[in-house]
Amino acid sequence: TLGDLRPDLIKYFEDKNDAYKFALHSNQKVNLVCPDCGERKMMTINDLVVRGFSCGICGDGVSYPNKVLRAFLKVLSSKVDNSEFEKSFNWSNNR
């Protein structure tokens, strides 16, 4: 089962028992949950194994505070689309 062969993926299952019910490359759709933000999504087990879990809310590398500020500024001005929202400095080792 998936739970035995890929225990690293169990954390994404809404119902942890589903990880032990289905084969590794099953086309069964299951409910998954982002362990970071709690966003729910449904996908096949095979897609989870092959592609991994990508959260639509927090999985794009942009911090949540920056997303909120970006949404707020977009409401205020159409010129925001040309702004740089994520900035890395050499002294910060790109963090």
PDB file of N, CA and C in Angstrom:
ATOM      1  N   THR A   1       0.842  -1.203   0.000  1.00  0.00           N
ATOM      2  CA  THR A   1       0.000   0.000   0.000  1.00  0.00           C
ATOM      3  C   THR A   1       0.870   1.243   0.000  1.00  0.00           C
ATOM      4  N   LEU A   2       0.240   2.364  -0.298  1.00  0.00           N
ATOM      5  CA  LEU A   2       0.954   3.641  -0.336  1.00  0.00           C
ATOM      6  C   LEU A   2       1.580   3.964   1.017  1.00  0.00           C
ATOM      7  N   GLY A   3       0.819   3.742   2.088  1.00  0.00           N
ATOM      8  CA  GLY A   3       1.323   4.061   3.425  1.00  0.00           C
ATOM      9  C   GLY A   3       2.573   3.298   3.801  1.00  0.00           C
ATOM     10  N   ASP A   4       2.695   2.086   3.293  1.00  0.00           N
ATOM     11  CA  ASP A   4       3.875   1.272   3.580  1.00  0.00           C
ATOM     12  C   ASP A   4       5.066   1.670   2.717  1.00  0.00           C
ATOM     13  N   LEU A   5       4.797   1.983   1.445  1.00  0.00           N
ATOM     14  CA  LEU A   5       5.876   2.282   0.506  1.00  0.00           C
ATOM     15  C   LEU A   5       6.301   3.746   0.501  1.00  0.00           C
ATOM     16  N   ARG A   6       5.371   4.654   0.796  1.00  0.00           N
ATOM     17  CA  ARG A   6       5.677   6.098   0.799  1.00  0.00           C
ATOM     18  C   ARG A   6       5.122   6.769   2.055  1.00  0.00           C
ATOM     19  N   PRO A   7       5.676   6.463   3.208  1.00  0.00           N
ATOM     20  CA  PRO A   7       5.163   7.051   4.453  1.00  0.00           C
ATOM     21  C   PRO A   7       5.292   8.577   4.499  1.00  0.00           C
ATOM     22  N   ASP A   8       6.153   9.142   3.652  1.00  0.00           N
ATOM     23  CA  ASP A   8       6.317  10.588   3.604  1.00  0.00           C
ATOM     24  C   ASP A   8       5.072  11.297   3.073  1.00  0.00           C
ATOM     25  N   LEU A   9       4.194  10.576   2.378  1.00  0.00           N
ATOM     26  CA  LEU A   9       2.997  11.188   1.795  1.00  0.00           C
ATOM     27  C   LEU A   9       1.772  11.107   2.711  1.00  0.00           C
ATOM     28  N   ILE A  10       1.860  10.356   3.780  1.00  0.00           N
ATOM     29  CA  ILE A  10       0.711  10.169   4.676  1.00  0.00           C
ATOM     30  C   ILE A  10       0.223  11.496   5.246  1.00  0.00           C
ATOM     31  N   LYS A  11       1.130  12.419   5.503  1.00  0.00           N
ATOM     32  CA  LYS A  11       0.760  13.700   6.120  1.00  0.00           C
ATOM     33  C   LYS A  11      -0.234  14.501   5.279  1.00  0.00           C
ATOM     34  N   TYR A  12      -0.349  14.212   3.996  1.00  0.00           N
ATOM     35  CA  TYR A  12      -1.263  14.953   3.125  1.00  0.00           C
ATOM     36  C   TYR A  12      -2.694  14.421   3.137  1.00  0.00           C
ATOM     37  N   PHE A  13      -2.898  13.225   3.627  1.00  0.00           N
ATOM     38  CA  PHE A  13      -4.221  12.606   3.595  1.00  0.00           C
ATOM     39  C   PHE A  13      -5.124  13.171   4.683  1.00  0.00           C
ATOM     40  N   GLU A  14      -6.332  13.557   4.293  1.00  0.00           N
ATOM     41  CA  GLU A  14      -7.310  13.999   5.272  1.00  0.00           C
ATOM     42  C   GLU A  14      -7.690  12.830   6.181  1.00  0.00           C
ATOM     43  N   ASP A  15      -7.930  11.681   5.586  1.00  0.00           N
ATOM     44  CA  ASP A  15      -8.183  10.454   6.330  1.00  0.00           C
ATOM     45  C   ASP A  15      -6.937   9.587   6.186  1.00  0.00           C
ATOM     46  N   LYS A  16      -6.133   9.524   7.226  1.00  0.00           N
ATOM     47  CA  LYS A  16      -4.855   8.802   7.174  1.00  0.00           C
ATOM     48  C   LYS A  16      -5.042   7.331   6.808  1.00  0.00           C
ATOM     49  N   ASN A  17      -6.201   6.754   7.103  1.00  0.00           N
ATOM     50  CA  ASN A  17      -6.465   5.354   6.765  1.00  0.00           C
ATOM     51  C   ASN A  17      -6.490   5.125   5.261  1.00  0.00           C
ATOM     52  N   ASP A  18      -6.830   6.159   4.473  1.00  0.00           N
ATOM     53  CA  ASP A  18      -6.849   6.029   3.015  1.00  0.00           C
ATOM     54  C   ASP A  18      -5.463   5.670   2.471  1.00  0.00           C
ATOM     55  N   ALA A  19      -4.424   6.103   3.152  1.00  0.00           N
ATOM     56  CA  ALA A  19      -3.069   5.812   2.697  1.00  0.00           C
ATOM     57  C   ALA A  19      -2.775   4.316   2.733  1.00  0.00           C
ATOM     58  N   TYR A  20      -3.507   3.591   3.557  1.00  0.00           N
ATOM     59  CA  TYR A  20      -3.276   2.154   3.696  1.00  0.00           C
ATOM     60  C   TYR A  20      -4.317   1.315   2.964  1.00  0.00           C
ATOM     61  N   LYS A  21      -5.283   1.960   2.321  1.00  0.00           N
ATOM     62  CA  LYS A  21      -6.332   1.241   1.603  1.00  0.00           C
ATOM     63  C   LYS A  21      -6.016   1.036   0.127  1.00  0.00           C
ATOM     64  N   PHE A  22      -5.173   1.886  -0.434  1.00  0.00           N
ATOM     65  CA  PHE A  22      -4.991   1.898  -1.881  1.00  0.00           C
ATOM     66  C   PHE A  22      -3.535   1.655  -2.276  1.00  0.00           C
ATOM     67  N   ALA A  23      -3.376   1.159  -3.515  1.00  0.00           N
ATOM     68  CA  ALA A  23      -2.045   0.877  -4.057  1.00  0.00           C
ATOM     69  C   ALA A  23      -1.320   2.167  -4.415  1.00  0.00           C
ATOM     70  N   LEU A  24      -0.047   2.026  -4.611  1.00  0.00           N
ATOM     71  CA  LEU A  24       0.833   3.174  -4.869  1.00  0.00           C
ATOM     72  C   LEU A  24       0.422   3.981  -6.096  1.00  0.00           C
ATOM     73  N   HIS A  25      -0.021   3.335  -7.162  1.00  0.00           N
ATOM     74  CA  HIS A  25      -0.379   4.048  -8.390  1.00  0.00           C
ATOM     75  C   HIS A  25      -1.865   3.945  -8.700  1.00  0.00           C
ATOM     76  N   SER A  26      -2.674   3.965  -7.664  1.00  0.00           N
ATOM     77  CA  SER A  26      -4.123   3.885  -7.811  1.00  0.00           C
ATOM     78  C   SER A  26      -4.667   5.173  -8.432  1.00  0.00           C
ATOM     79  N   ASN A  27      -5.714   5.033  -9.212  1.00  0.00           N
ATOM     80  CA  ASN A  27      -6.396   6.202  -9.776  1.00  0.00           C
ATOM     81  C   ASN A  27      -7.562   6.643  -8.901  1.00  0.00           C
ATOM     82  N   GLN A  28      -7.620   6.154  -7.693  1.00  0.00           N
ATOM     83  CA  GLN A  28      -8.650   6.537  -6.734  1.00  0.00           C
ATOM     84  C   GLN A  28      -8.414   7.987  -6.292  1.00  0.00           C
ATOM     85  N   LYS A  29      -9.473   8.795  -6.334  1.00  0.00           N
ATOM     86  CA  LYS A  29      -9.369  10.171  -5.849  1.00  0.00           C
ATOM     87  C   LYS A  29      -9.580  10.186  -4.340  1.00  0.00           C
ATOM     88  N   VAL A  30      -8.741  10.945  -3.659  1.00  0.00           N
ATOM     89  CA  VAL A  30      -8.829  11.061  -2.204  1.00  0.00           C
ATOM     90  C   VAL A  30      -8.748  12.532  -1.811  1.00  0.00           C
ATOM     91  N   ASN A  31      -9.251  12.844  -0.630  1.00  0.00           N
ATOM     92  CA  ASN A  31      -9.167  14.193  -0.094  1.00  0.00           C
ATOM     93  C   ASN A  31      -7.819  14.380   0.584  1.00  0.00           C
ATOM     94  N   LEU A  32      -7.132  15.446   0.207  1.00  0.00           N
ATOM     95  CA  LEU A  32      -5.828  15.760   0.771  1.00  0.00           C
ATOM     96  C   LEU A  32      -5.884  17.119   1.456  1.00  0.00           C
ATOM     97  N   VAL A  33      -4.969  17.340   2.389  1.00  0.00           N
ATOM     98  CA  VAL A  33      -4.925  18.582   3.150  1.00  0.00           C
ATOM     99  C   VAL A  33      -3.486  19.068   3.209  1.00  0.00           C
ATOM    100  N   CYS A  34      -3.285  20.357   2.970  1.00  0.00           N
ATOM    101  CA  CYS A  34      -1.953  20.948   3.101  1.00  0.00           C
ATOM    102  C   CYS A  34      -1.586  20.957   4.585  1.00  0.00           C
ATOM    103  N   PRO A  35      -0.440  20.379   4.954  1.00  0.00           N
ATOM    104  CA  PRO A  35      -0.047  20.362   6.359  1.00  0.00           C
ATOM    105  C   PRO A  35       0.358  21.735   6.889  1.00  0.00           C
ATOM    106  N   ASP A  36       0.607  22.688   5.997  1.00  0.00           N
ATOM    107  CA  ASP A  36       1.022  24.022   6.423  1.00  0.00           C
ATOM    108  C   ASP A  36      -0.139  24.981   6.653  1.00  0.00           C
ATOM    109  N   CYS A  37      -1.101  25.009   5.715  1.00  0.00           N
ATOM    110  CA  CYS A  37      -2.182  25.998   5.822  1.00  0.00           C
ATOM    111  C   CYS A  37      -3.566  25.389   5.970  1.00  0.00           C
ATOM    112  N   GLY A  38      -3.694  24.063   5.793  1.00  0.00           N
ATOM    113  CA  GLY A  38      -4.987  23.414   5.953  1.00  0.00           C
ATOM    114  C   GLY A  38      -5.875  23.434   4.722  1.00  0.00           C
ATOM    115  N   GLU A  39      -5.384  23.949   3.611  1.00  0.00           N
ATOM    116  CA  GLU A  39      -6.156  23.979   2.369  1.00  0.00           C
ATOM    117  C   GLU A  39      -6.433  22.546   1.913  1.00  0.00           C
ATOM    118  N   ARG A  40      -7.672  22.302   1.523  1.00  0.00           N
ATOM    119  CA  ARG A  40      -8.076  20.965   1.087  1.00  0.00           C
ATOM    120  C   ARG A  40      -8.142  20.893  -0.438  1.00  0.00           C
ATOM    121  N   LYS A  41      -7.793  19.710  -0.952  1.00  0.00           N
ATOM    122  CA  LYS A  41      -7.932  19.476  -2.388  1.00  0.00           C
ATOM    123  C   LYS A  41      -8.074  17.975  -2.627  1.00  0.00           C
ATOM    124  N   MET A  42      -8.668  17.647  -3.766  1.00  0.00           N
ATOM    125  CA  MET A  42      -8.870  16.247  -4.130  1.00  0.00           C
ATOM    126  C   MET A  42      -7.994  15.939  -5.328  1.00  0.00           C
ATOM    127  N   MET A  43      -7.298  14.807  -5.268  1.00  0.00           N
ATOM    128  CA  MET A  43      -6.497  14.364  -6.402  1.00  0.00           C
ATOM    129  C   MET A  43      -6.318  12.858  -6.328  1.00  0.00           C
ATOM    130  N   THR A  44      -5.889  12.280  -7.443  1.00  0.00           N
ATOM    131  CA  THR A  44      -5.681  10.840  -7.447  1.00  0.00           C
ATOM    132  C   THR A  44      -4.388  10.507  -6.712  1.00  0.00           C
ATOM    133  N   ILE A  45      -4.335   9.299  -6.185  1.00  0.00           N
ATOM    134  CA  ILE A  45      -3.140   8.854  -5.477  1.00  0.00           C
ATOM    135  C   ILE A  45      -1.950   8.816  -6.428  1.00  0.00           C
ATOM    136  N   ASN A  46      -2.182   8.370  -7.653  1.00  0.00           N
ATOM    137  CA  ASN A  46      -1.100   8.328  -8.637  1.00  0.00           C
ATOM    138  C   ASN A  46      -0.513   9.721  -8.881  1.00  0.00           C
ATOM    139  N   ASP A  47      -1.359  10.733  -9.008  1.00  0.00           N
ATOM    140  CA  ASP A  47      -0.862  12.095  -9.203  1.00  0.00           C
ATOM    141  C   ASP A  47      -0.051  12.573  -7.998  1.00  0.00           C
ATOM    142  N   LEU A  48      -0.508  12.224  -6.812  1.00  0.00           N
ATOM    143  CA  LEU A  48       0.236  12.596  -5.604  1.00  0.00           C
ATOM    144  C   LEU A  48       1.614  11.957  -5.609  1.00  0.00           C
ATOM    145  N   VAL A  49       1.692  10.690  -5.980  1.00  0.00           N
ATOM    146  CA  VAL A  49       2.972   9.974  -5.994  1.00  0.00           C
ATOM    147  C   VAL A  49       3.899  10.528  -7.074  1.00  0.00           C
ATOM    148  N   VAL A  50       3.360  10.752  -8.269  1.00  0.00           N
ATOM    149  CA  VAL A  50       4.191  11.181  -9.402  1.00  0.00           C
ATOM    150  C   VAL A  50       4.548  12.664  -9.327  1.00  0.00           C
ATOM    151  N   ARG A  51       3.560  13.511  -9.049  1.00  0.00           N
ATOM    152  CA  ARG A  51       3.772  14.971  -9.091  1.00  0.00           C
ATOM    153  C   ARG A  51       4.040  15.594  -7.732  1.00  0.00           C
ATOM    154  N   GLY A  52       3.600  14.938  -6.683  1.00  0.00           N
ATOM    155  CA  GLY A  52       3.726  15.512  -5.352  1.00  0.00           C
ATOM    156  C   GLY A  52       2.549  16.421  -5.047  1.00  0.00           C
ATOM    157  N   PHE A  53       2.520  16.942  -3.849  1.00  0.00           N
ATOM    158  CA  PHE A  53       1.431  17.813  -3.414  1.00  0.00           C
ATOM    159  C   PHE A  53       1.854  19.258  -3.588  1.00  0.00           C
ATOM    160  N   SER A  54       1.041  20.019  -4.283  1.00  0.00           N
ATOM    161  CA  SER A  54       1.301  21.439  -4.475  1.00  0.00           C
ATOM    162  C   SER A  54       0.090  22.212  -3.984  1.00  0.00           C
ATOM    163  N   CYS A  55       0.279  23.008  -2.965  1.00  0.00           N
ATOM    164  CA  CYS A  55      -0.827  23.768  -2.388  1.00  0.00           C
ATOM    165  C   CYS A  55      -1.096  25.022  -3.216  1.00  0.00           C
ATOM    166  N   GLY A  56      -2.366  25.253  -3.508  1.00  0.00           N
ATOM    167  CA  GLY A  56      -2.759  26.436  -4.269  1.00  0.00           C
ATOM    168  C   GLY A  56      -2.700  27.713  -3.464  1.00  0.00           C
ATOM    169  N   ILE A  57      -2.636  27.587  -2.157  1.00  0.00           N
ATOM    170  CA  ILE A  57      -2.597  28.771  -1.292  1.00  0.00           C
ATOM    171  C   ILE A  57      -1.166  29.136  -0.907  1.00  0.00           C
ATOM    172  N   CYS A  58      -0.445  28.204  -0.360  1.00  0.00           N
ATOM    173  CA  CYS A  58       0.879  28.550   0.174  1.00  0.00           C
ATOM    174  C   CYS A  58       2.038  27.919  -0.597  1.00  0.00           C
ATOM    175  N   GLY A  59       1.773  27.190  -1.664  1.00  0.00           N
ATOM    176  CA  GLY A  59       2.814  26.442  -2.341  1.00  0.00           C
ATOM    177  C   GLY A  59       3.561  27.154  -3.440  1.00  0.00           C
ATOM    178  N   ASP A  60       3.390  28.451  -3.610  1.00  0.00           N
ATOM    179  CA  ASP A  60       4.053  29.122  -4.724  1.00  0.00           C
ATOM    180  C   ASP A  60       5.310  29.879  -4.322  1.00  0.00           C
ATOM    181  N   GLY A  61       5.732  29.779  -3.077  1.00  0.00           N
ATOM    182  CA  GLY A  61       6.954  30.429  -2.635  1.00  0.00           C
ATOM    183  C   GLY A  61       6.776  31.867  -2.191  1.00  0.00           C
ATOM    184  N   VAL A  62       5.581  32.408  -2.296  1.00  0.00           N
ATOM    185  CA  VAL A  62       5.311  33.773  -1.855  1.00  0.00           C
ATOM    186  C   VAL A  62       4.734  33.712  -0.447  1.00  0.00           C
ATOM    187  N   SER A  63       5.282  34.497   0.457  1.00  0.00           N
ATOM    188  CA  SER A  63       4.808  34.461   1.834  1.00  0.00           C
ATOM    189  C   SER A  63       3.367  34.962   1.927  1.00  0.00           C
ATOM    190  N   TYR A  64       2.657  34.444   2.912  1.00  0.00           N
ATOM    191  CA  TYR A  64       1.252  34.817   3.072  1.00  0.00           C
ATOM    192  C   TYR A  64       1.083  36.325   3.315  1.00  0.00           C
ATOM    193  N   PRO A  65       1.905  36.971   4.160  1.00  0.00           N
ATOM    194  CA  PRO A  65       1.766  38.431   4.317  1.00  0.00           C
ATOM    195  C   PRO A  65       1.948  39.191   3.006  1.00  0.00           C
ATOM    196  N   ASN A  66       2.873  38.729   2.166  1.00  0.00           N
ATOM    197  CA  ASN A  66       3.064  39.393   0.873  1.00  0.00           C
ATOM    198  C   ASN A  66       1.861  39.186  -0.039  1.00  0.00           C
ATOM    199  N   LYS A  67       1.221  38.031   0.037  1.00  0.00           N
ATOM    200  CA  LYS A  67       0.022  37.792  -0.763  1.00  0.00           C
ATOM    201  C   LYS A  67      -1.108  38.724  -0.339  1.00  0.00           C
ATOM    202  N   VAL A  68      -1.277  38.901   0.958  1.00  0.00           N
ATOM    203  CA  VAL A  68      -2.325  39.787   1.465  1.00  0.00           C
ATOM    204  C   VAL A  68      -2.057  41.215   1.018  1.00  0.00           C
ATOM    205  N   LEU A  69      -0.828  41.667   1.180  1.00  0.00           N
ATOM    206  CA  LEU A  69      -0.481  43.033   0.781  1.00  0.00           C
ATOM    207  C   LEU A  69      -0.631  43.220  -0.726  1.00  0.00           C
ATOM    208  N   ARG A  70      -0.233  42.228  -1.502  1.00  0.00           N
ATOM    209  CA  ARG A  70      -0.372  42.318  -2.954  1.00  0.00           C
ATOM    210  C   ARG A  70      -1.846  42.436  -3.352  1.00  0.00           C
ATOM    211  N   ALA A  71      -2.701  41.632  -2.742  1.00  0.00           N
ATOM    212  CA  ALA A  71      -4.134  41.692  -3.043  1.00  0.00           C
ATOM    213  C   ALA A  71      -4.706  43.048  -2.664  1.00  0.00           C
ATOM    214  N   PHE A  72      -4.285  43.569  -1.531  1.00  0.00           N
ATOM    215  CA  PHE A  72      -4.753  44.883  -1.072  1.00  0.00           C
ATOM    216  C   PHE A  72      -4.310  45.981  -2.038  1.00  0.00           C
ATOM    217  N   LEU A  73      -3.055  45.950  -2.452  1.00  0.00           N
ATOM    218  CA  LEU A  73      -2.549  46.980  -3.362  1.00  0.00           C
ATOM    219  C   LEU A  73      -3.175  46.883  -4.749  1.00  0.00           C
ATOM    220  N   LYS A  74      -3.495  45.673  -5.195  1.00  0.00           N
ATOM    221  CA  LYS A  74      -4.140  45.520  -6.494  1.00  0.00           C
ATOM    222  C   LYS A  74      -5.520  46.152  -6.506  1.00  0.00           C
ATOM    223  N   VAL A  75      -6.179  46.123  -5.367  1.00  0.00           N
ATOM    224  CA  VAL A  75      -7.484  46.762  -5.268  1.00  0.00           C
ATOM    225  C   VAL A  75      -7.328  48.278  -5.398  1.00  0.00           C
ATOM    226  N   LEU A  76      -6.257  48.822  -4.853  1.00  0.00           N
ATOM    227  CA  LEU A  76      -6.048  50.268  -4.837  1.00  0.00           C
ATOM    228  C   LEU A  76      -5.503  50.830  -6.147  1.00  0.00           C
ATOM    229  N   SER A  77      -4.719  50.041  -6.839  1.00  0.00           N
ATOM    230  CA  SER A  77      -4.052  50.594  -8.015  1.00  0.00           C
ATOM    231  C   SER A  77      -3.797  49.523  -9.063  1.00  0.00           C
ATOM    232  N   SER A  78      -3.963  49.878 -10.307  1.00  0.00           N
ATOM    233  CA  SER A  78      -3.673  48.938 -11.387  1.00  0.00           C
ATOM    234  C   SER A  78      -2.185  48.917 -11.725  1.00  0.00           C
ATOM    235  N   LYS A  79      -1.411  49.860 -11.192  1.00  0.00           N
ATOM    236  CA  LYS A  79       0.020  49.923 -11.465  1.00  0.00           C
ATOM    237  C   LYS A  79       0.814  48.906 -10.650  1.00  0.00           C
ATOM    238  N   VAL A  80       0.182  48.234  -9.750  1.00  0.00           N
ATOM    239  CA  VAL A  80       0.863  47.293  -8.878  1.00  0.00           C
ATOM    240  C   VAL A  80       1.421  46.106  -9.644  1.00  0.00           C
ATOM    241  N   ASP A  81       0.824  45.761 -10.767  1.00  0.00           N
ATOM    242  CA  ASP A  81       1.279  44.607 -11.531  1.00  0.00           C
ATOM    243  C   ASP A  81       2.737  44.738 -11.960  1.00  0.00           C
ATOM    244  N   ASN A  82       3.260  45.927 -12.014  1.00  0.00           N
ATOM    245  CA  ASN A  82       4.646  46.139 -12.414  1.00  0.00           C
ATOM    246  C   ASN A  82       5.597  46.177 -11.224  1.00  0.00           C
ATOM    247  N   SER A  83       5.097  45.990 -10.027  1.00  0.00           N
ATOM    248  CA  SER A  83       5.918  46.066  -8.831  1.00  0.00           C
ATOM    249  C   SER A  83       6.624  44.746  -8.561  1.00  0.00           C
ATOM    250  N   GLU A  84       7.752  44.848  -7.883  1.00  0.00           N
ATOM    251  CA  GLU A  84       8.493  43.657  -7.472  1.00  0.00           C
ATOM    252  C   GLU A  84       8.073  43.304  -6.052  1.00  0.00           C
ATOM    253  N   PHE A  85       7.462  42.128  -5.883  1.00  0.00           N
ATOM    254  CA  PHE A  85       6.914  41.765  -4.587  1.00  0.00           C
ATOM    255  C   PHE A  85       7.876  40.953  -3.740  1.00  0.00           C
ATOM    256  N   GLU A  86       8.708  40.172  -4.360  1.00  0.00           N
ATOM    257  CA  GLU A  86       9.661  39.354  -3.628  1.00  0.00           C
ATOM    258  C   GLU A  86      11.057  39.863  -3.966  1.00  0.00           C
ATOM    259  N   LYS A  87      11.790  40.247  -2.950  1.00  0.00           N
ATOM    260  CA  LYS A  87      13.122  40.783  -3.157  1.00  0.00           C
ATOM    261  C   LYS A  87      14.113  39.991  -2.326  1.00  0.00           C
ATOM    262  N   SER A  88      15.201  39.575  -2.936  1.00  0.00           N
ATOM    263  CA  SER A  88      16.276  38.895  -2.228  1.00  0.00           C
ATOM    264  C   SER A  88      17.521  39.760  -2.297  1.00  0.00           C
ATOM    265  N   PHE A  89      18.244  39.817  -1.216  1.00  0.00           N
ATOM    266  CA  PHE A  89      19.468  40.597  -1.155  1.00  0.00           C
ATOM    267  C   PHE A  89      20.660  39.650  -1.047  1.00  0.00           C
ATOM    268  N   ASN A  90      21.764  40.028  -1.649  1.00  0.00           N
ATOM    269  CA  ASN A  90      22.957  39.182  -1.618  1.00  0.00           C
ATOM    270  C   ASN A  90      23.398  38.868  -0.194  1.00  0.00           C
ATOM    271  N   TRP A  91      23.304  39.841   0.702  1.00  0.00           N
ATOM    272  CA  TRP A  91      23.732  39.627   2.073  1.00  0.00           C
ATOM    273  C   TRP A  91      22.852  38.650   2.839  1.00  0.00           C
ATOM    274  N   SER A  92      21.661  38.332   2.299  1.00  0.00           N
ATOM    275  CA  SER A  92      20.746  37.423   3.003  1.00  0.00           C
ATOM    276  C   SER A  92      20.837  35.984   2.472  1.00  0.00           C
ATOM    277  N   ASN A  93      21.767  35.733   1.559  1.00  0.00           N
ATOM    278  CA  ASN A  93      21.893  34.410   0.934  1.00  0.00           C
ATOM    279  C   ASN A  93      20.597  33.976   0.285  1.00  0.00           C
ATOM    280  N   ASN A  94      19.883  34.923  -0.337  1.00  0.00           N
ATOM    281  CA  ASN A  94      18.623  34.673  -1.053  1.00  0.00           C
ATOM    282  C   ASN A  94      17.540  34.065  -0.179  1.00  0.00           C
ATOM    283  N   ARG A  95      17.472  34.472   1.063  1.00  0.00           N
ATOM    284  CA  ARG A  95      16.422  33.992   1.972  1.00  0.00           C
ATOM    285  C   ARG A  95      15.456  35.097   2.287  1.00  0.00           C
TER     286      ARG A  95
END
